[in-house]
PDB file of N, CA and C in Angstrom:
ATOM      1  N   MET A   1     -18.417 -16.568  11.082  1.00  0.00           N
ATOM      2  CA  MET A   1     -19.238 -15.670  11.822  1.00  0.00           C
ATOM      3  C   MET A   1     -19.985 -14.773  10.829  1.00  0.00           C
ATOM      4  N   PHE A   2     -21.284 -14.759  10.914  1.00  0.00           N
ATOM      5  CA  PHE A   2     -22.132 -13.914  10.068  1.00  0.00           C
ATOM      6  C   PHE A   2     -21.996 -12.464  10.498  1.00  0.00           C
ATOM      7  N   VAL A   3     -21.829 -11.559   9.527  1.00  0.00           N
ATOM      8  CA  VAL A   3     -21.677 -10.139   9.833  1.00  0.00           C
ATOM      9  C   VAL A   3     -22.779  -9.299   9.207  1.00  0.00           C
ATOM     10  N   ASP A   4     -23.131  -9.572   7.938  1.00  0.00           N
ATOM     11  CA  ASP A   4     -24.060  -8.698   7.217  1.00  0.00           C
ATOM     12  C   ASP A   4     -24.596  -9.441   6.008  1.00  0.00           C
ATOM     13  N   LYS A   5     -25.430  -8.766   5.241  1.00  0.00           N
ATOM     14  CA  LYS A   5     -25.877  -9.258   3.941  1.00  0.00           C
ATOM     15  C   LYS A   5     -25.543  -8.191   2.914  1.00  0.00           C
ATOM     16  N   ASP A   6     -25.180  -8.620   1.701  1.00  0.00           N
ATOM     17  CA  ASP A   6     -24.916  -7.637   0.651  1.00  0.00           C
ATOM     18  C   ASP A   6     -26.227  -7.258  -0.028  1.00  0.00           C
ATOM     19  N   ARG A   7     -26.137  -6.405  -1.022  1.00  0.00           N
ATOM     20  CA  ARG A   7     -27.359  -5.905  -1.665  1.00  0.00           C
ATOM     21  C   ARG A   7     -28.123  -6.979  -2.419  1.00  0.00           C
ATOM     22  N   TYR A   8     -27.498  -8.141  -2.645  1.00  0.00           N
ATOM     23  CA  TYR A   8     -28.157  -9.255  -3.325  1.00  0.00           C
ATOM     24  C   TYR A   8     -28.681 -10.297  -2.334  1.00  0.00           C
ATOM     25  N   GLY A   9     -28.538 -10.023  -1.051  1.00  0.00           N
ATOM     26  CA  GLY A   9     -29.026 -10.926  -0.022  1.00  0.00           C
ATOM     27  C   GLY A   9     -28.037 -12.022   0.358  1.00  0.00           C
ATOM     28  N   ARG A  10     -26.806 -11.957  -0.178  1.00  0.00           N
ATOM     29  CA  ARG A  10     -25.797 -12.960   0.168  1.00  0.00           C
ATOM     30  C   ARG A  10     -25.200 -12.639   1.528  1.00  0.00           C
ATOM     31  N   LEU A  11     -24.875 -13.683   2.282  1.00  0.00           N
ATOM     32  CA  LEU A  11     -24.267 -13.493   3.591  1.00  0.00           C
ATOM     33  C   LEU A  11     -22.834 -13.007   3.437  1.00  0.00           C
ATOM     34  N   VAL A  12     -22.476 -12.078   4.291  1.00  0.00           N
ATOM     35  CA  VAL A  12     -21.117 -11.552   4.351  1.00  0.00           C
ATOM     36  C   VAL A  12     -20.634 -11.836   5.764  1.00  0.00           C
ATOM     37  N   GLY A  13     -19.463 -12.439   5.876  1.00  0.00           N
ATOM     38  CA  GLY A  13     -19.002 -12.771   7.211  1.00  0.00           C
ATOM     39  C   GLY A  13     -17.516 -13.002   7.282  1.00  0.00           C
ATOM     40  N   LYS A  14     -17.075 -13.442   8.452  1.00  0.00           N
ATOM     41  CA  LYS A  14     -15.678 -13.753   8.709  1.00  0.00           C
ATOM     42  C   LYS A  14     -15.544 -15.260   8.867  1.00  0.00           C
ATOM     43  N   ALA A  15     -14.518 -15.819   8.223  1.00  0.00           N
ATOM     44  CA  ALA A  15     -14.309 -17.267   8.293  1.00  0.00           C
ATOM     45  C   ALA A  15     -12.949 -17.557   8.929  1.00  0.00           C
ATOM     46  N   TYR A  16     -12.965 -18.471   9.901  1.00  0.00           N
ATOM     47  CA  TYR A  16     -11.744 -18.894  10.577  1.00  0.00           C
ATOM     48  C   TYR A  16     -11.650 -20.412  10.551  1.00  0.00           C
ATOM     49  N   SER A  17     -10.431 -20.904  10.483  1.00  0.00           N
ATOM     50  CA  SER A  17     -10.181 -22.339  10.609  1.00  0.00           C
ATOM     51  C   SER A  17      -8.879 -22.515  11.364  1.00  0.00           C
ATOM     52  N   LYS A  18      -8.967 -23.167  12.503  1.00  0.00           N
ATOM     53  CA  LYS A  18      -7.794 -23.420  13.351  1.00  0.00           C
ATOM     54  C   LYS A  18      -7.027 -22.134  13.645  1.00  0.00           C
ATOM     55  N   GLY A  19      -7.770 -21.064  13.890  1.00  0.00           N
ATOM     56  CA  GLY A  19      -7.166 -19.792  14.244  1.00  0.00           C
ATOM     57  C   GLY A  19      -6.674 -18.952  13.083  1.00  0.00           C
ATOM     58  N   VAL A  20      -6.841 -19.442  11.855  1.00  0.00           N
ATOM     59  CA  VAL A  20      -6.413 -18.699  10.664  1.00  0.00           C
ATOM     60  C   VAL A  20      -7.609 -17.932  10.112  1.00  0.00           C
ATOM     61  N   TYR A  21      -7.418 -16.638   9.871  1.00  0.00           N
ATOM     62  CA  TYR A  21      -8.468 -15.790   9.308  1.00  0.00           C
ATOM     63  C   TYR A  21      -8.491 -16.036   7.802  1.00  0.00           C
ATOM     64  N   LEU A  22      -9.432 -16.847   7.347  1.00  0.00           N
ATOM     65  CA  LEU A  22      -9.487 -17.288   5.963  1.00  0.00           C
ATOM     66  C   LEU A  22      -9.787 -16.156   4.989  1.00  0.00           C
ATOM     67  N   ASN A  23     -10.552 -15.172   5.404  1.00  0.00           N
ATOM     68  CA  ASN A  23     -10.824 -14.033   4.525  1.00  0.00           C
ATOM     69  C   ASN A  23      -9.512 -13.374   4.107  1.00  0.00           C
ATOM     70  N   GLU A  24      -8.654 -13.127   5.081  1.00  0.00           N
ATOM     71  CA  GLU A  24      -7.368 -12.490   4.803  1.00  0.00           C
ATOM     72  C   GLU A  24      -6.499 -13.373   3.910  1.00  0.00           C
ATOM     73  N   LEU A  25      -6.455 -14.638   4.207  1.00  0.00           N
ATOM     74  CA  LEU A  25      -5.660 -15.586   3.418  1.00  0.00           C
ATOM     75  C   LEU A  25      -6.113 -15.602   1.958  1.00  0.00           C
ATOM     76  N   MET A  26      -7.420 -15.654   1.732  1.00  0.00           N
ATOM     77  CA  MET A  26      -7.940 -15.705   0.366  1.00  0.00           C
ATOM     78  C   MET A  26      -7.640 -14.421  -0.405  1.00  0.00           C
ATOM     79  N   VAL A  27      -7.736 -13.263   0.261  1.00  0.00           N
ATOM     80  CA  VAL A  27      -7.430 -11.992  -0.404  1.00  0.00           C
ATOM     81  C   VAL A  27      -5.934 -11.922  -0.708  1.00  0.00           C
ATOM     82  N   ARG A  28      -5.090 -12.271   0.259  1.00  0.00           N
ATOM     83  CA  ARG A  28      -3.643 -12.192   0.071  1.00  0.00           C
ATOM     84  C   ARG A  28      -3.169 -13.079  -1.068  1.00  0.00           C
ATOM     85  N   GLU A  29      -3.815 -14.227  -1.241  1.00  0.00           N
ATOM     86  CA  GLU A  29      -3.425 -15.165  -2.294  1.00  0.00           C
ATOM     87  C   GLU A  29      -4.116 -14.898  -3.633  1.00  0.00           C
ATOM     88  N   GLY A  30      -4.996 -13.899  -3.666  1.00  0.00           N
ATOM     89  CA  GLY A  30      -5.653 -13.535  -4.916  1.00  0.00           C
ATOM     90  C   GLY A  30      -6.858 -14.382  -5.258  1.00  0.00           C
ATOM     91  N   TYR A  31      -7.434 -15.067  -4.265  1.00  0.00           N
ATOM     92  CA  TYR A  31      -8.593 -15.927  -4.519  1.00  0.00           C
ATOM     93  C   TYR A  31      -9.930 -15.241  -4.268  1.00  0.00           C
ATOM     94  N   SER A  32      -9.909 -14.047  -3.676  1.00  0.00           N
ATOM     95  CA  SER A  32     -11.176 -13.365  -3.423  1.00  0.00           C
ATOM     96  C   SER A  32     -10.960 -11.856  -3.422  1.00  0.00           C
ATOM     97  N   TRP A  33     -12.070 -11.132  -3.459  1.00  0.00           N
ATOM     98  CA  TRP A  33     -12.060  -9.681  -3.447  1.00  0.00           C
ATOM     99  C   TRP A  33     -12.278  -9.186  -2.029  1.00  0.00           C
ATOM    100  N   TRP A  34     -11.792  -7.975  -1.789  1.00  0.00           N
ATOM    101  CA  TRP A  34     -12.105  -7.274  -0.558  1.00  0.00           C
ATOM    102  C   TRP A  34     -12.991  -6.099  -0.943  1.00  0.00           C
ATOM    103  N   TYR A  35     -14.215  -6.092  -0.451  1.00  0.00           N
ATOM    104  CA  TYR A  35     -15.131  -4.994  -0.726  1.00  0.00           C
ATOM    105  C   TYR A  35     -15.142  -4.045   0.470  1.00  0.00           C
ATOM    106  N   ARG A  36     -14.538  -2.888   0.295  1.00  0.00           N
ATOM    107  CA  ARG A  36     -14.413  -1.900   1.357  1.00  0.00           C
ATOM    108  C   ARG A  36     -15.775  -1.561   1.969  1.00  0.00           C
ATOM    109  N   ASP A  37     -16.828  -1.509   1.153  1.00  0.00           N
ATOM    110  CA  ASP A  37     -18.152  -1.146   1.662  1.00  0.00           C
ATOM    111  C   ASP A  37     -18.629  -2.090   2.759  1.00  0.00           C
ATOM    112  N   TYR A  38     -18.235  -3.342   2.717  1.00  0.00           N
ATOM    113  CA  TYR A  38     -18.695  -4.320   3.697  1.00  0.00           C
ATOM    114  C   TYR A  38     -17.655  -4.601   4.773  1.00  0.00           C
ATOM    115  N   ALA A  39     -16.457  -4.044   4.637  1.00  0.00           N
ATOM    116  CA  ALA A  39     -15.406  -4.319   5.618  1.00  0.00           C
ATOM    117  C   ALA A  39     -14.522  -3.076   5.782  1.00  0.00           C
ATOM    118  N   LYS A  40     -15.138  -1.970   6.048  1.00  0.00           N
ATOM    119  CA  LYS A  40     -14.420  -0.696   6.123  1.00  0.00           C
ATOM    120  C   LYS A  40     -13.307  -0.684   7.161  1.00  0.00           C
ATOM    121  N   ASN A  41     -13.495  -1.382   8.252  1.00  0.00           N
ATOM    122  CA  ASN A  41     -12.530  -1.359   9.351  1.00  0.00           C
ATOM    123  C   ASN A  41     -11.595  -2.565   9.357  1.00  0.00           C
ATOM    124  N   GLU A  42     -11.588  -3.321   8.286  1.00  0.00           N
ATOM    125  CA  GLU A  42     -10.753  -4.520   8.207  1.00  0.00           C
ATOM    126  C   GLU A  42      -9.374  -4.174   7.646  1.00  0.00           C
ATOM    127  N   ILE A  43      -8.520  -3.666   8.498  1.00  0.00           N
ATOM    128  CA  ILE A  43      -7.169  -3.287   8.088  1.00  0.00           C
ATOM    129  C   ILE A  43      -6.414  -4.498   7.556  1.00  0.00           C
ATOM    130  N   ALA A  44      -6.639  -5.665   8.145  1.00  0.00           N
ATOM    131  CA  ALA A  44      -5.959  -6.884   7.698  1.00  0.00           C
ATOM    132  C   ALA A  44      -6.278  -7.190   6.237  1.00  0.00           C
ATOM    133  N   LEU A  45      -7.523  -6.961   5.828  1.00  0.00           N
ATOM    134  CA  LEU A  45      -7.899  -7.228   4.441  1.00  0.00           C
ATOM    135  C   LEU A  45      -7.309  -6.181   3.505  1.00  0.00           C
ATOM    136  N   GLU A  46      -7.228  -4.947   3.967  1.00  0.00           N
ATOM    137  CA  GLU A  46      -6.609  -3.895   3.161  1.00  0.00           C
ATOM    138  C   GLU A  46      -5.129  -4.217   2.930  1.00  0.00           C
ATOM    139  N   MET A  47      -4.443  -4.623   3.981  1.00  0.00           N
ATOM    140  CA  MET A  47      -3.027  -4.962   3.869  1.00  0.00           C
ATOM    141  C   MET A  47      -2.830  -6.206   2.994  1.00  0.00           C
ATOM    142  N   ALA A  48      -3.743  -7.165   3.104  1.00  0.00           N
ATOM    143  CA  ALA A  48      -3.664  -8.379   2.284  1.00  0.00           C
ATOM    144  C   ALA A  48      -3.824  -8.032   0.807  1.00  0.00           C
ATOM    145  N   GLU A  49      -4.734  -7.112   0.501  1.00  0.00           N
ATOM    146  CA  GLU A  49      -4.924  -6.694  -0.886  1.00  0.00           C
ATOM    147  C   GLU A  49      -3.656  -6.013  -1.424  1.00  0.00           C
ATOM    148  N   LYS A  50      -3.063  -5.157  -0.617  1.00  0.00           N
ATOM    149  CA  LYS A  50      -1.830  -4.485  -1.032  1.00  0.00           C
ATOM    150  C   LYS A  50      -0.721  -5.497  -1.291  1.00  0.00           C
ATOM    151  N   ALA A  51      -0.618  -6.504  -0.423  1.00  0.00           N
ATOM    152  CA  ALA A  51       0.398  -7.549  -0.605  1.00  0.00           C
ATOM    153  C   ALA A  51       0.135  -8.333  -1.883  1.00  0.00           C
ATOM    154  N   ALA A  52      -1.121  -8.644  -2.158  1.00  0.00           N
ATOM    155  CA  ALA A  52      -1.471  -9.395  -3.367  1.00  0.00           C
ATOM    156  C   ALA A  52      -1.103  -8.597  -4.616  1.00  0.00           C
ATOM    157  N   ARG A  53      -1.407  -7.312  -4.596  1.00  0.00           N
ATOM    158  CA  ARG A  53      -1.070  -6.468  -5.748  1.00  0.00           C
ATOM    159  C   ARG A  53       0.442  -6.362  -5.925  1.00  0.00           C
ATOM    160  N   LYS A  54       1.162  -6.192  -4.817  1.00  0.00           N
ATOM    161  CA  LYS A  54       2.615  -6.085  -4.868  1.00  0.00           C
ATOM    162  C   LYS A  54       3.232  -7.355  -5.438  1.00  0.00           C
ATOM    163  N   ASN A  55       2.683  -8.502  -5.055  1.00  0.00           N
ATOM    164  CA  ASN A  55       3.191  -9.795  -5.510  1.00  0.00           C
ATOM    165  C   ASN A  55       2.548 -10.259  -6.812  1.00  0.00           C
ATOM    166  N   LYS A  56       1.788  -9.337  -7.438  1.00  0.00           N
ATOM    167  CA  LYS A  56       1.129  -9.600  -8.709  1.00  0.00           C
ATOM    168  C   LYS A  56       0.216 -10.823  -8.686  1.00  0.00           C
ATOM    169  N   LYS A  57      -0.469 -11.003  -7.550  1.00  0.00           N
ATOM    170  CA  LYS A  57      -1.488 -12.035  -7.431  1.00  0.00           C
ATOM    171  C   LYS A  57      -2.730 -11.500  -8.116  1.00  0.00           C
ATOM    172  N   GLU A  58      -3.412 -12.326  -8.848  1.00  0.00           N
ATOM    173  CA  GLU A  58      -4.629 -11.890  -9.532  1.00  0.00           C
ATOM    174  C   GLU A  58      -5.827 -12.654  -9.013  1.00  0.00           C
ATOM    175  N   ILE A  59      -6.958 -12.003  -9.091  1.00  0.00           N
ATOM    176  CA  ILE A  59      -8.199 -12.690  -8.754  1.00  0.00           C
ATOM    177  C   ILE A  59      -8.391 -13.781  -9.786  1.00  0.00           C
ATOM    178  N   ARG A  60      -8.564 -14.969  -9.328  1.00  0.00           N
ATOM    179  CA  ARG A  60      -8.662 -16.119 -10.242  1.00  0.00           C
ATOM    180  C   ARG A  60     -10.082 -16.562 -10.425  1.00  0.00           C
TER     181      ARG A  60
END
């Protein structure tokens, strides 16, 4: 689902597959960043980032 564009014109959105919120999964596993500016109300992404840091997952 398309949500916004970033300052470089890239699409910012939410991705789901078979009911799984892929944005959250990627952040929790350390495969992507969570940018608060584009997802201020995404508590799930904030919690996923905290879990990744706690489990010492790194952005790869």
